[in-house]
Amino acid sequence: MRQILVKSLLILLLLTTVNCGFKVINESEKNEFSIENIKTSGDKRINFRIKNDLLNYSKKNNQNVLFIDLKTKKTKNIKEKNIKNEITKYEIILNANVKFNLVNSDVIYKINLSNNGNYLVEDSYSTTLNNEKKLIDDLIENMSEKILKKIILKLNDI
């Protein structure tokens, strides 16, 4: 009985002290780019927010200098209606086409993203507008994170 306990403790000790060597990469150490220029077209509010998120993430005086072309489109569709033919739910779809290239390179990288969500129509119009605004803000934040991750992955492949 004692030998089984000692063996199991040794195996447990061995498993906890020996690891596979996997190291989690810190995302903040990978932002090795700076943005020279961002050209935008499409929805101004969405472009403004994404542009600010990208500029906040970039570092000044870096070796990878990017030119970015951002095109966004917002589509609002009716998702559901009730028996009285009143609209009860809307769907918002955000599309973003991002093209970027390095200053010293002729290669153009393209990123196409789409993000969608639904919001409910409330009794008061102001509440409905607040629901729409919150949904759009969440979608923009999610879109910005995806764009940043894709840019970092593309730059790390170079």
C-alpha atoms as a PDB file:
ATOM      1  CA  MET A   1       0.000   0.000   0.000  1.00  0.00           C
ATOM      2  CA  ARG A   2       2.804   2.344   0.937  1.00  0.00           C
ATOM      3  CA  GLN A   3       4.686   1.634  -2.277  1.00  0.00           C
ATOM      4  CA  ILE A   4       1.649   2.554  -4.383  1.00  0.00           C
ATOM      5  CA  LEU A   5       1.280   5.834  -2.508  1.00  0.00           C
ATOM      6  CA  VAL A   6       4.979   6.675  -2.940  1.00  0.00           C
ATOM      7  CA  LYS A   7       4.856   5.824  -6.666  1.00  0.00           C
ATOM      8  CA  SER A   8       1.749   7.927  -7.241  1.00  0.00           C
ATOM      9  CA  LEU A   9       3.327  10.886  -5.404  1.00  0.00           C
ATOM     10  CA  LEU A  10       6.487  10.566  -7.500  1.00  0.00           C
ATOM     11  CA  ILE A  11       4.467  10.471 -10.721  1.00  0.00           C
ATOM     12  CA  LEU A  12       2.436  13.483  -9.609  1.00  0.00           C
ATOM     13  CA  LEU A  13       5.613  15.361  -8.696  1.00  0.00           C
ATOM     14  CA  LEU A  14       7.155  14.475 -12.053  1.00  0.00           C
ATOM     15  CA  LEU A  15       4.095  15.673 -13.990  1.00  0.00           C
ATOM     16  CA  THR A  16       3.905  18.987 -12.159  1.00  0.00           C
ATOM     17  CA  THR A  17       7.593  19.862 -12.517  1.00  0.00           C
ATOM     18  CA  VAL A  18       8.088  18.836 -16.145  1.00  0.00           C
ATOM     19  CA  ASN A  19       6.164  20.802 -18.746  1.00  0.00           C
ATOM     20  CA  CYS A  20       6.011  20.752 -22.507  1.00  0.00           C
ATOM     21  CA  GLY A  21       7.850  24.032 -23.036  1.00  0.00           C
ATOM     22  CA  PHE A  22       4.814  25.847 -24.410  1.00  0.00           C
ATOM     23  CA  LYS A  23       5.087  29.572 -23.832  1.00  0.00           C
ATOM     24  CA  VAL A  24       2.186  31.965 -24.090  1.00  0.00           C
ATOM     25  CA  ILE A  25       3.079  34.878 -26.346  1.00  0.00           C
ATOM     26  CA  ASN A  26       2.331  38.271 -24.885  1.00  0.00           C
ATOM     27  CA  GLU A  27       0.127  40.153 -27.381  1.00  0.00           C
ATOM     28  CA  SER A  28       1.528  43.530 -26.342  1.00  0.00           C
ATOM     29  CA  GLU A  29       5.047  42.514 -27.352  1.00  0.00           C
ATOM     30  CA  LYS A  30       3.944  41.690 -30.882  1.00  0.00           C
ATOM     31  CA  ASN A  31       2.736  45.139 -31.958  1.00  0.00           C
ATOM     32  CA  GLU A  32       5.791  45.891 -34.000  1.00  0.00           C
ATOM     33  CA  PHE A  33       4.249  48.381 -36.407  1.00  0.00           C
ATOM     34  CA  SER A  34       3.438  52.018 -36.755  1.00  0.00           C
ATOM     35  CA  ILE A  35       0.772  53.523 -38.992  1.00  0.00           C
ATOM     36  CA  GLU A  36       1.764  56.232 -41.448  1.00  0.00           C
ATOM     37  CA  ASN A  37      -1.628  56.888 -43.004  1.00  0.00           C
ATOM     38  CA  ILE A  38      -5.176  55.537 -42.804  1.00  0.00           C
ATOM     39  CA  LYS A  39      -7.471  56.225 -45.749  1.00  0.00           C
ATOM     40  CA  THR A  40     -11.132  55.626 -44.941  1.00  0.00           C
ATOM     41  CA  SER A  41     -14.358  55.387 -46.884  1.00  0.00           C
ATOM     42  CA  GLY A  42     -17.848  54.311 -45.914  1.00  0.00           C
ATOM     43  CA  ASP A  43     -19.596  54.921 -42.592  1.00  0.00           C
ATOM     44  CA  LYS A  44     -17.820  57.824 -40.871  1.00  0.00           C
ATOM     45  CA  ARG A  45     -18.650  56.874 -37.281  1.00  0.00           C
ATOM     46  CA  ILE A  46     -17.462  53.303 -37.687  1.00  0.00           C
ATOM     47  CA  ASN A  47     -14.308  54.428 -39.504  1.00  0.00           C
ATOM     48  CA  PHE A  48     -13.511  56.978 -36.801  1.00  0.00           C
ATOM     49  CA  ARG A  49     -13.720  54.402 -34.017  1.00  0.00           C
ATOM     50  CA  ILE A  50     -11.713  51.741 -35.868  1.00  0.00           C
ATOM     51  CA  LYS A  51      -9.105  54.310 -36.905  1.00  0.00           C
ATOM     52  CA  ASN A  52      -8.667  55.473 -33.302  1.00  0.00           C
ATOM     53  CA  ASP A  53      -8.333  51.889 -32.060  1.00  0.00           C
ATOM     54  CA  LEU A  54      -5.670  51.138 -34.683  1.00  0.00           C
ATOM     55  CA  LEU A  55      -3.753  54.337 -33.969  1.00  0.00           C
ATOM     56  CA  ASN A  56      -3.831  53.693 -30.213  1.00  0.00           C
ATOM     57  CA  TYR A  57      -2.313  50.279 -30.776  1.00  0.00           C
ATOM     58  CA  SER A  58       0.503  51.331 -33.094  1.00  0.00           C
ATOM     59  CA  LYS A  59       3.922  52.405 -31.841  1.00  0.00           C
ATOM     60  CA  LYS A  60       5.838  55.409 -33.102  1.00  0.00           C
ATOM     61  CA  ASN A  61       9.223  55.106 -34.820  1.00  0.00           C
ATOM     62  CA  ASN A  62       8.958  51.431 -35.617  1.00  0.00           C
ATOM     63  CA  GLN A  63      10.549  49.520 -38.470  1.00  0.00           C
ATOM     64  CA  ASN A  64       7.233  48.264 -39.914  1.00  0.00           C
ATOM     65  CA  VAL A  65       5.422  51.341 -41.222  1.00  0.00           C
ATOM     66  CA  LEU A  66       1.951  50.661 -42.634  1.00  0.00           C
ATOM     67  CA  PHE A  67      -0.397  52.387 -45.042  1.00  0.00           C
ATOM     68  CA  ILE A  68      -3.976  51.286 -44.408  1.00  0.00           C
ATOM     69  CA  ASP A  69      -7.058  51.595 -46.634  1.00  0.00           C
ATOM     70  CA  LEU A  70     -10.276  50.991 -44.649  1.00  0.00           C
ATOM     71  CA  LYS A  71     -13.714  50.588 -46.244  1.00  0.00           C
ATOM     72  CA  THR A  72     -16.734  49.918 -44.059  1.00  0.00           C
ATOM     73  CA  LYS A  73     -20.407  49.356 -44.695  1.00  0.00           C
ATOM     74  CA  LYS A  74     -23.319  49.162 -42.252  1.00  0.00           C
ATOM     75  CA  THR A  75     -26.511  47.367 -43.242  1.00  0.00           C
ATOM     76  CA  LYS A  76     -29.692  47.436 -41.152  1.00  0.00           C
ATOM     77  CA  ASN A  77     -32.281  44.737 -41.877  1.00  0.00           C
ATOM     78  CA  ILE A  78     -35.599  43.777 -40.345  1.00  0.00           C
ATOM     79  CA  LYS A  79     -35.107  40.529 -38.470  1.00  0.00           C
ATOM     80  CA  GLU A  80     -38.569  39.796 -37.009  1.00  0.00           C
ATOM     81  CA  LYS A  81     -42.143  41.065 -37.114  1.00  0.00           C
ATOM     82  CA  ASN A  82     -45.039  40.181 -34.852  1.00  0.00           C
ATOM     83  CA  ILE A  83     -48.599  39.161 -35.763  1.00  0.00           C
ATOM     84  CA  LYS A  84     -49.648  42.828 -36.128  1.00  0.00           C
ATOM     85  CA  ASN A  85     -46.864  43.293 -38.711  1.00  0.00           C
ATOM     86  CA  GLU A  86     -44.896  45.517 -36.311  1.00  0.00           C
ATOM     87  CA  ILE A  87     -41.135  45.263 -36.319  1.00  0.00           C
ATOM     88  CA  THR A  88     -39.823  43.655 -33.127  1.00  0.00           C
ATOM     89  CA  LYS A  89     -36.164  42.998 -33.962  1.00  0.00           C
ATOM     90  CA  TYR A  90     -33.539  44.488 -36.257  1.00  0.00           C
ATOM     91  CA  GLU A  91     -30.285  43.006 -37.495  1.00  0.00           C
ATOM     92  CA  ILE A  92     -27.173  45.104 -38.115  1.00  0.00           C
ATOM     93  CA  ILE A  93     -24.367  43.833 -40.321  1.00  0.00           C
ATOM     94  CA  LEU A  94     -20.957  45.536 -40.380  1.00  0.00           C
ATOM     95  CA  ASN A  95     -18.580  44.766 -43.237  1.00  0.00           C
ATOM     96  CA  ALA A  96     -14.981  45.936 -43.307  1.00  0.00           C
ATOM     97  CA  ASN A  97     -12.472  45.620 -46.128  1.00  0.00           C
ATOM     98  CA  VAL A  98      -8.953  46.465 -45.009  1.00  0.00           C
ATOM     99  CA  LYS A  99      -5.988  46.716 -47.344  1.00  0.00           C
ATOM    100  CA  PHE A 100      -2.555  47.423 -45.940  1.00  0.00           C
ATOM    101  CA  ASN A 101       1.014  47.357 -47.086  1.00  0.00           C
ATOM    102  CA  LEU A 102       4.431  48.096 -45.702  1.00  0.00           C
ATOM    103  CA  VAL A 103       6.161  51.275 -46.858  1.00  0.00           C
ATOM    104  CA  ASN A 104       9.131  49.421 -48.361  1.00  0.00           C
ATOM    105  CA  SER A 105       7.063  46.608 -49.893  1.00  0.00           C
ATOM    106  CA  ASP A 106       4.773  46.375 -52.922  1.00  0.00           C
ATOM    107  CA  VAL A 107       2.779  43.469 -51.490  1.00  0.00           C
ATOM    108  CA  ILE A 108      -0.792  44.433 -50.523  1.00  0.00           C
ATOM    109  CA  TYR A 109      -2.498  42.398 -47.821  1.00  0.00           C
ATOM    110  CA  LYS A 110      -6.290  42.204 -47.755  1.00  0.00           C
ATOM    111  CA  ILE A 111      -8.590  41.505 -44.838  1.00  0.00           C
ATOM    112  CA  ASN A 112     -12.355  41.071 -45.247  1.00  0.00           C
ATOM    113  CA  LEU A 113     -14.412  40.900 -42.065  1.00  0.00           C
ATOM    114  CA  SER A 114     -18.095  40.761 -41.314  1.00  0.00           C
ATOM    115  CA  ASN A 115     -19.832  41.099 -37.974  1.00  0.00           C
ATOM    116  CA  ASN A 116     -23.544  41.040 -37.189  1.00  0.00           C
ATOM    117  CA  GLY A 117     -25.914  41.348 -34.256  1.00  0.00           C
ATOM    118  CA  ASN A 118     -29.556  41.852 -33.332  1.00  0.00           C
ATOM    119  CA  TYR A 119     -31.348  44.345 -31.117  1.00  0.00           C
ATOM    120  CA  LEU A 120     -34.916  44.595 -29.894  1.00  0.00           C
ATOM    121  CA  VAL A 121     -37.398  47.358 -30.637  1.00  0.00           C
ATOM    122  CA  GLU A 122     -38.700  48.771 -27.345  1.00  0.00           C
ATOM    123  CA  ASP A 123     -41.822  50.784 -26.514  1.00  0.00           C
ATOM    124  CA  SER A 124     -39.986  54.094 -26.421  1.00  0.00           C
ATOM    125  CA  TYR A 125     -37.995  55.280 -29.427  1.00  0.00           C
ATOM    126  CA  SER A 126     -35.091  56.538 -27.325  1.00  0.00           C
ATOM    127  CA  THR A 127     -34.606  53.099 -25.758  1.00  0.00           C
ATOM    128  CA  THR A 128     -34.607  51.535 -29.209  1.00  0.00           C
ATOM    129  CA  LEU A 129     -31.944  54.016 -30.350  1.00  0.00           C
ATOM    130  CA  ASN A 130     -29.858  53.235 -27.253  1.00  0.00           C
ATOM    131  CA  ASN A 131     -30.124  49.514 -28.019  1.00  0.00           C
ATOM    132  CA  GLU A 132     -28.956  50.162 -31.579  1.00  0.00           C
ATOM    133  CA  LYS A 133     -26.068  52.357 -30.437  1.00  0.00           C
ATOM    134  CA  LYS A 134     -24.868  49.808 -27.845  1.00  0.00           C
ATOM    135  CA  LEU A 135     -24.984  47.028 -30.433  1.00  0.00           C
ATOM    136  CA  ILE A 136     -23.039  49.082 -32.978  1.00  0.00           C
ATOM    137  CA  ASP A 137     -20.421  50.000 -30.348  1.00  0.00           C
ATOM    138  CA  ASP A 138     -19.970  46.323 -29.411  1.00  0.00           C
ATOM    139  CA  LEU A 139     -19.705  45.306 -33.065  1.00  0.00           C
ATOM    140  CA  ILE A 140     -17.131  48.038 -33.778  1.00  0.00           C
ATOM    141  CA  GLU A 141     -15.023  47.028 -30.775  1.00  0.00           C
ATOM    142  CA  ASN A 142     -15.109  43.395 -31.854  1.00  0.00           C
ATOM    143  CA  MET A 143     -14.251  44.382 -35.438  1.00  0.00           C
ATOM    144  CA  SER A 144     -11.267  46.492 -34.292  1.00  0.00           C
ATOM    145  CA  GLU A 145      -9.864  43.598 -32.264  1.00  0.00           C
ATOM    146  CA  LYS A 146     -10.217  41.234 -35.223  1.00  0.00           C
ATOM    147  CA  ILE A 147      -8.502  43.696 -37.579  1.00  0.00           C
ATOM    148  CA  LEU A 148      -5.607  44.154 -35.153  1.00  0.00           C
ATOM    149  CA  LYS A 149      -5.157  40.407 -34.717  1.00  0.00           C
ATOM    150  CA  LYS A 150      -5.189  39.830 -38.480  1.00  0.00           C
ATOM    151  CA  ILE A 151      -2.655  42.627 -39.101  1.00  0.00           C
ATOM    152  CA  ILE A 152      -0.354  41.244 -36.401  1.00  0.00           C
ATOM    153  CA  LEU A 153      -0.621  37.720 -37.836  1.00  0.00           C
ATOM    154  CA  LYS A 154       0.153  38.936 -41.355  1.00  0.00           C
ATOM    155  CA  LEU A 155       3.133  40.970 -40.149  1.00  0.00           C
ATOM    156  CA  ASN A 156       4.499  38.055 -38.128  1.00  0.00           C
ATOM    157  CA  ASP A 157       4.344  35.875 -41.265  1.00  0.00           C
ATOM    158  CA  ILE A 158       6.657  38.254 -43.109  1.00  0.00           C
END
